[in-house]
């Protein structure tokens, strides 16, 4: 029955959203003494994708550890985002989190109707009013680090990236940062970018990655959800390198993952929960980076205790660490434009 509920089978959208949230809350094991503070996390895909949605689910676990009563809904389609947020707010949830920038317009639309609810958009790009906040890690910084790593490791002088949601601010930041980072190492390096239609489509991502590899790319970057697995399958088959988004990606291709950008959404949403309780969260855009206090929002990791694959040359590790230190001290700042994140070479 749970699968039918979450897919909306034989139910209206509103019924499906409401029942999915209720089922997820019960799955958390609500006690008779549940906290008065209630939080809901809405995810665009599956929490088992070893990528974006799995990272967002960390937030549910962190908030629960902080005493919140937590519900979540998976596979929320863009057409249902506003309705899903409205439904949770109407049921008294005081913190409603949409885990993708596509929730921003929905939060801005319904925020004024629920002044006692704080709406948080993970990877959004703006706040609104007194109760709509966007959070993100500094995608440009971490994209830049991976561009440095890719250019340092490339033997062909050709690196590449497969992404979805062309034009979304955090995608622009990641892809533009990657291109700028690679060019900082070698101004003549070829950086080719392909945008695909669906962040969840591993087959489409694999096809795009294989086309880049056939053109000479020996490092493939990317910012996808379930589709990230397609990139990893391609580099594993062809014996080149990529970066991932979780230790699960390392497990898929341990010889071909140089490192992962590990997004610490648990830390970011946990901090948001603390600020929501204190009444200091709403109406802003908060970006966490290597110079931030409390949490950097993300970190590099190949596996526990190892930021890089042992195959990564010491020279490449040193170059990345030097850039990290410059970001942390404020010596280096990176700004990207739509042109930096353009498709093609």
Protein backbone atom coordinates (compact mmCIF):
# COMPACT_ATOMS: atom_id res chain seq x y z
CA UNK A 1 0.00 0.00 0.00
CA UNK A 2 2.85 2.40 0.72
CA UNK A 3 4.00 2.37 -2.91
CA UNK A 4 0.47 3.15 -4.07
CA UNK A 5 0.22 6.00 -1.60
CA UNK A 6 3.49 7.61 -2.65
CA UNK A 7 2.77 7.35 -6.35
CA UNK A 8 -0.74 8.77 -5.91
CA UNK A 9 -2.30 5.61 -7.40
CA UNK A 10 -6.11 5.90 -7.45
CA UNK A 11 -5.93 9.04 -5.28
CA UNK A 12 -6.19 12.75 -5.87
CA UNK A 13 -2.97 14.73 -5.65
CA UNK A 14 -3.97 16.28 -2.36
CA UNK A 15 -4.93 12.90 -0.88
CA UNK A 16 -1.70 11.33 -2.08
CA UNK A 17 0.43 14.11 -0.61
CA UNK A 18 -1.39 14.05 2.71
CA UNK A 19 -1.30 10.28 3.07
CA UNK A 20 2.35 10.07 2.04
CA UNK A 21 3.28 12.59 4.71
CA UNK A 22 1.29 10.75 7.34
CA UNK A 23 2.84 7.40 6.43
CA UNK A 24 6.33 8.83 6.53
CA UNK A 25 5.72 10.37 9.95
CA UNK A 26 4.55 7.05 11.36
CA UNK A 27 7.61 5.39 9.85
CA UNK A 28 9.70 7.62 12.09
CA UNK A 29 8.07 6.08 15.14
CA UNK A 30 6.13 8.97 16.63
CA UNK A 31 5.90 8.64 20.42
CA UNK A 32 3.07 9.65 22.71
CA UNK A 33 5.26 12.54 23.84
CA UNK A 34 6.19 13.91 20.41
CA UNK A 35 7.61 17.42 20.31
CA UNK A 36 5.26 20.31 19.57
CA UNK A 37 7.58 21.52 16.79
CA UNK A 38 6.73 19.81 13.52
CA UNK A 39 8.87 19.81 10.40
CA UNK A 40 8.21 18.40 6.93
CA UNK A 41 10.71 17.73 4.15
CA UNK A 42 9.52 17.44 0.56
CA UNK A 43 11.83 15.72 -1.91
CA UNK A 44 11.66 15.68 -5.73
CA UNK A 45 12.95 12.10 -5.98
CA UNK A 46 13.68 8.96 -3.99
CA UNK A 47 15.63 8.98 -0.73
CA UNK A 48 17.46 5.91 -2.04
CA UNK A 49 19.13 7.67 -5.00
CA UNK A 50 22.57 7.91 -3.27
CA UNK A 51 22.63 11.52 -4.43
CA UNK A 52 20.56 14.67 -4.02
CA UNK A 53 17.49 13.23 -2.33
CA UNK A 54 19.46 10.94 -0.03
CA UNK A 55 21.42 14.02 1.06
CA UNK A 56 18.19 15.88 1.75
CA UNK A 57 16.92 13.02 3.86
CA UNK A 58 19.88 13.66 6.19
CA UNK A 59 17.96 16.76 7.22
CA UNK A 60 15.01 14.71 8.41
CA UNK A 61 17.30 12.61 10.56
CA UNK A 62 19.10 15.64 11.99
CA UNK A 63 15.86 17.47 12.85
CA UNK A 64 14.46 14.35 14.52
CA UNK A 65 17.63 14.13 16.65
CA UNK A 66 16.98 17.72 17.72
CA UNK A 67 13.48 16.91 18.98
CA UNK A 68 11.35 17.77 15.98
CA UNK A 69 8.43 15.64 14.88
CA UNK A 70 9.32 15.00 11.24
CA UNK A 71 7.38 13.92 8.16
CA UNK A 72 8.62 13.64 4.59
CA UNK A 73 7.23 13.13 1.11
CA UNK A 74 9.22 11.65 -1.77
CA UNK A 75 8.87 12.09 -5.54
CA UNK A 76 6.99 15.39 -5.34
CA UNK A 77 6.48 16.53 -8.93
CA UNK A 78 6.93 20.22 -9.87
CA UNK A 79 3.20 20.56 -10.53
CA UNK A 80 2.47 19.40 -6.96
CA UNK A 81 5.03 21.45 -5.05
CA UNK A 82 2.83 24.37 -4.01
CA UNK A 83 -0.03 22.08 -3.04
CA UNK A 84 2.27 19.85 -0.99
CA UNK A 85 3.74 22.80 0.91
CA UNK A 86 0.29 24.25 1.50
CA UNK A 87 -1.00 20.92 2.80
CA UNK A 88 1.72 20.56 5.42
CA UNK A 89 1.39 24.19 6.52
CA UNK A 90 -2.37 23.86 6.87
CA UNK A 91 -1.80 20.90 9.21
CA UNK A 92 0.31 22.92 11.60
CA UNK A 93 3.85 22.15 10.47
CA UNK A 94 5.95 25.12 11.57
CA UNK A 95 8.94 24.28 9.35
CA UNK A 96 8.36 23.12 5.76
CA UNK A 97 11.43 22.34 3.67
CA UNK A 98 11.43 21.90 -0.10
CA UNK A 99 14.64 20.16 -1.11
CA UNK A 100 15.30 21.70 -4.52
CA UNK A 101 15.39 25.23 -5.89
CA UNK A 102 12.25 24.44 -7.89
CA UNK A 103 10.29 24.82 -4.62
CA UNK A 104 11.17 28.53 -4.40
CA UNK A 105 8.28 29.85 -6.47
CA UNK A 106 5.88 27.61 -4.54
CA UNK A 107 7.19 28.89 -1.19
CA UNK A 108 6.96 32.51 -2.36
CA UNK A 109 3.41 31.89 -3.56
CA UNK A 110 2.01 30.41 -0.34
CA UNK A 111 4.30 31.96 2.27
CA UNK A 112 2.07 35.00 2.90
CA UNK A 113 -0.89 32.69 3.61
CA UNK A 114 0.90 30.97 6.51
CA UNK A 115 2.86 33.60 8.49
CA UNK A 116 3.47 31.18 11.39
CA UNK A 117 5.18 28.62 9.14
CA UNK A 118 8.78 29.02 7.98
CA UNK A 119 9.39 27.74 4.47
CA UNK A 120 12.94 26.70 3.60
CA UNK A 121 14.15 25.98 0.08
CA UNK A 122 17.24 23.83 -0.24
CA UNK A 123 19.37 25.11 -3.12
CA UNK A 124 17.08 28.08 -3.62
CA UNK A 125 18.49 31.46 -4.54
CA UNK A 126 16.44 34.03 -2.59
CA UNK A 127 14.41 34.72 0.49
CA UNK A 128 11.01 36.41 0.59
CA UNK A 129 8.96 38.25 3.16
CA UNK A 130 9.50 37.21 6.77
CA UNK A 131 9.15 33.46 6.41
CA UNK A 132 10.71 32.20 3.16
CA UNK A 133 14.40 31.30 3.32
CA UNK A 134 16.79 29.69 0.87
CA UNK A 135 19.84 27.69 1.97
CA UNK A 136 22.73 26.33 -0.04
CA UNK A 137 26.37 25.49 0.14
CA UNK A 138 28.76 27.51 -2.04
CA UNK A 139 28.41 25.56 -5.28
CA UNK A 140 30.87 27.82 -7.09
CA UNK A 141 33.62 27.06 -4.55
CA UNK A 142 33.18 23.31 -4.69
CA UNK A 143 32.73 23.28 -8.46
CA UNK A 144 35.97 25.24 -8.72
CA UNK A 145 37.79 22.72 -6.51
CA UNK A 146 36.64 19.88 -8.74
CA UNK A 147 37.72 21.81 -11.82
CA UNK A 148 41.21 22.15 -10.34
CA UNK A 149 41.24 18.43 -9.54
CA UNK A 150 40.02 17.46 -13.02
CA UNK A 151 42.56 19.61 -14.85
CA UNK A 152 45.40 18.38 -12.65
CA UNK A 153 44.46 14.74 -13.30
CA UNK A 154 43.66 15.02 -17.02
CA UNK A 155 46.20 13.55 -19.42
CA UNK A 156 44.23 14.41 -22.55
CA UNK A 157 43.71 18.07 -21.71
CA UNK A 158 39.94 17.49 -22.08
CA UNK A 159 37.51 17.47 -19.16
CA UNK A 160 33.73 17.54 -19.17
CA UNK A 161 30.50 17.82 -17.21
CA UNK A 162 26.97 16.39 -17.49
CA UNK A 163 24.17 18.28 -15.74
CA UNK A 164 20.45 18.96 -15.66
CA UNK A 165 18.34 22.05 -14.99
CA UNK A 166 20.31 24.41 -17.20
CA UNK A 167 20.11 27.95 -15.90
CA UNK A 168 19.18 27.06 -12.30
CA UNK A 169 21.39 29.29 -10.12
CA UNK A 170 23.16 26.53 -8.19
CA UNK A 171 23.76 24.57 -11.41
CA UNK A 172 25.21 27.71 -13.00
CA UNK A 173 27.44 28.12 -9.94
CA UNK A 174 28.66 24.52 -9.99
CA UNK A 175 29.28 24.28 -13.72
CA UNK A 176 30.73 27.75 -14.00
CA UNK A 177 32.96 27.12 -11.01
CA UNK A 178 34.14 23.84 -12.54
CA UNK A 179 35.05 25.54 -15.81
CA UNK A 180 36.86 28.38 -14.05
CA UNK A 181 38.73 26.03 -11.74
CA UNK A 182 39.94 23.90 -14.64
CA UNK A 183 41.01 26.97 -16.60
CA UNK A 184 42.94 28.30 -13.56
CA UNK A 185 45.19 25.25 -13.81
CA UNK A 186 45.48 25.14 -17.60
CA UNK A 187 44.03 27.99 -19.68
CA UNK A 188 44.11 25.69 -22.72
CA UNK A 189 42.18 22.81 -21.19
CA UNK A 190 39.03 21.93 -23.12
CA UNK A 191 35.93 21.96 -20.91
CA UNK A 192 32.83 20.57 -22.60
CA UNK A 193 29.41 20.63 -20.93
CA UNK A 194 26.25 18.72 -21.84
CA UNK A 195 22.85 19.43 -20.30
CA UNK A 196 20.29 16.63 -20.19
CA UNK A 197 16.54 16.82 -19.69
CA UNK A 198 16.04 14.73 -16.58
CA UNK A 199 18.09 14.81 -13.36
CA UNK A 200 16.83 11.29 -12.54
CA UNK A 201 17.62 9.60 -15.87
CA UNK A 202 20.75 7.46 -15.48
CA UNK A 203 20.50 6.11 -19.04
CA UNK A 204 20.44 9.60 -20.55
CA UNK A 205 23.33 10.69 -18.32
CA UNK A 206 25.38 7.65 -19.29
CA UNK A 207 24.83 8.30 -22.99
CA UNK A 208 25.95 11.92 -22.56
CA UNK A 209 29.03 10.88 -20.57
CA UNK A 210 29.99 8.24 -23.14
CA UNK A 211 29.79 10.82 -25.92
CA UNK A 212 32.12 13.13 -23.99
CA UNK A 213 34.56 10.31 -23.30
CA UNK A 214 34.54 9.31 -26.96
CA UNK A 215 35.59 12.89 -27.71
CA UNK A 216 38.65 12.53 -25.50
CA UNK A 217 37.45 13.62 -22.05
CA UNK A 218 39.19 11.66 -19.29
CA UNK A 219 37.39 13.32 -16.36
CA UNK A 220 33.59 13.67 -16.23
CA UNK A 221 31.99 15.95 -13.66
CA UNK A 222 28.28 16.38 -13.05
CA UNK A 223 25.47 17.52 -10.78
CA UNK A 224 22.55 15.09 -11.13
CA UNK A 225 20.22 13.18 -8.82
CA UNK A 226 19.68 9.51 -9.64
CA UNK A 227 21.20 10.32 -13.02
CA UNK A 228 24.64 10.63 -11.41
CA UNK A 229 24.86 6.84 -11.45
CA UNK A 230 24.85 6.96 -15.25
CA UNK A 231 27.98 9.10 -15.28
CA UNK A 232 29.66 6.67 -12.94
CA UNK A 233 28.69 3.66 -15.04
CA UNK A 234 30.19 5.35 -18.10
CA UNK A 235 33.54 6.21 -16.51
CA UNK A 236 33.80 2.74 -15.01
CA UNK A 237 33.28 1.11 -18.41
CA UNK A 238 35.80 3.39 -20.12
CA UNK A 239 38.42 3.56 -17.38
CA UNK A 240 38.40 7.33 -16.83
CA UNK A 241 37.65 9.44 -13.76
CA UNK A 242 34.68 11.30 -12.30
CA UNK A 243 33.53 12.75 -9.02
CA UNK A 244 30.41 11.67 -7.17
CA UNK A 245 28.00 12.93 -4.54
CA UNK A 246 28.15 10.21 -1.88
CA UNK A 247 30.17 7.30 -0.55
CA UNK A 248 27.62 5.16 -2.36
CA UNK A 249 29.06 6.48 -5.61
CA UNK A 250 32.54 5.48 -4.46
CA UNK A 251 31.20 1.99 -3.89
CA UNK A 252 29.85 1.85 -7.45
CA UNK A 253 33.25 2.54 -9.02
CA UNK A 254 36.04 2.73 -6.41
CA UNK A 255 38.78 2.94 -9.06
CA UNK A 256 37.09 5.73 -11.00
CA UNK A 257 35.85 8.18 -8.36
CA UNK A 258 38.46 10.78 -7.52
CA UNK A 259 36.39 12.26 -4.69
CA UNK A 260 32.82 13.22 -3.85
CA UNK A 261 31.21 16.54 -3.03
CA UNK A 262 29.47 15.52 0.20
CA UNK A 263 26.65 17.98 0.80
CA UNK A 264 25.92 18.40 4.50
CA UNK A 265 22.20 19.09 4.29
CA UNK A 266 21.71 17.52 7.70
CA UNK A 267 23.91 20.24 9.22
CA UNK A 268 22.29 23.00 7.18
CA UNK A 269 18.70 21.94 7.92
CA UNK A 270 19.55 21.30 11.55
CA UNK A 271 20.87 24.85 11.83
CA UNK A 272 17.73 26.10 10.07
CA UNK A 273 15.60 24.28 12.65
CA UNK A 274 17.47 25.95 15.49
CA UNK A 275 17.02 29.38 13.90
CA UNK A 276 13.34 28.71 13.17
CA UNK A 277 12.75 28.00 16.87
CA UNK A 278 14.63 31.18 17.76
CA UNK A 279 12.65 33.24 15.25
CA UNK A 280 15.75 34.34 13.33
CA UNK A 281 15.48 32.28 10.15
CA UNK A 282 12.96 33.80 7.77
CA UNK A 283 13.38 36.05 4.76
CA UNK A 284 17.02 35.53 3.78
CA UNK A 285 19.36 33.61 1.49
CA UNK A 286 22.03 31.81 3.49
CA UNK A 287 25.10 30.38 1.73
CA UNK A 288 27.57 28.16 3.59
CA UNK A 289 31.13 27.89 2.33
CA UNK A 290 34.69 27.16 3.29
CA UNK A 291 34.91 30.40 5.28
CA UNK A 292 31.63 29.85 7.18
CA UNK A 293 31.37 29.21 10.90
CA UNK A 294 29.50 26.18 12.19
CA UNK A 295 29.30 24.27 8.90
CA UNK A 296 30.92 24.64 5.51
CA UNK A 297 27.81 23.15 3.91
CA UNK A 298 29.86 20.54 2.04
CA UNK A 299 33.20 18.77 2.04
CA UNK A 300 35.28 16.52 -0.16
CA UNK A 301 35.37 12.82 0.66
CA UNK A 302 36.28 9.59 -1.09
CA UNK A 303 35.46 7.37 1.87
CA UNK A 304 35.52 7.74 5.67
CA UNK A 305 38.73 9.48 6.66
CA UNK A 306 39.97 9.84 3.08
CA UNK A 307 39.15 12.96 1.08
CA UNK A 308 40.71 11.60 -2.14
CA UNK A 309 41.11 8.32 -3.96
CA UNK A 310 44.66 6.99 -3.37
CA UNK A 311 45.07 7.11 -7.17
CA UNK A 312 44.89 10.93 -7.12
CA UNK A 313 48.47 12.25 -7.56
CA UNK A 314 49.98 14.10 -4.63
CA UNK A 315 50.45 17.16 -6.83
CA UNK A 316 46.72 17.28 -7.56
CA UNK A 317 45.84 16.87 -3.87
CA UNK A 318 48.23 19.69 -2.95
CA UNK A 319 46.72 21.97 -5.60
CA UNK A 320 43.18 21.40 -4.33
CA UNK A 321 44.19 21.87 -0.69
CA UNK A 322 45.95 25.14 -1.56
CA UNK A 323 42.80 26.47 -3.22
CA UNK A 324 40.67 25.35 -0.25
CA UNK A 325 42.94 27.34 2.07
CA UNK A 326 42.54 30.42 -0.10
CA UNK A 327 38.75 30.11 -0.01
CA UNK A 328 38.80 29.61 3.76
CA UNK A 329 40.93 32.69 4.35
CA UNK A 330 38.94 34.85 1.95
CA UNK A 331 41.95 35.36 -0.29
CA UNK A 332 40.14 33.74 -3.21
CA UNK A 333 36.60 34.49 -4.30
CA UNK A 334 34.91 33.20 -7.42
CA UNK A 335 32.01 34.73 -9.31
CA UNK A 336 30.41 32.93 -12.23
CA UNK A 337 28.10 33.97 -15.04
CA UNK A 338 25.70 32.15 -17.33
CA UNK A 339 28.45 32.23 -19.97
CA UNK A 340 30.79 30.32 -17.65
CA UNK A 341 28.17 27.58 -17.34
CA UNK A 342 27.31 27.42 -21.06
CA UNK A 343 26.81 24.12 -22.81
CA UNK A 344 29.29 23.00 -25.42
CA UNK A 345 33.04 23.54 -25.33
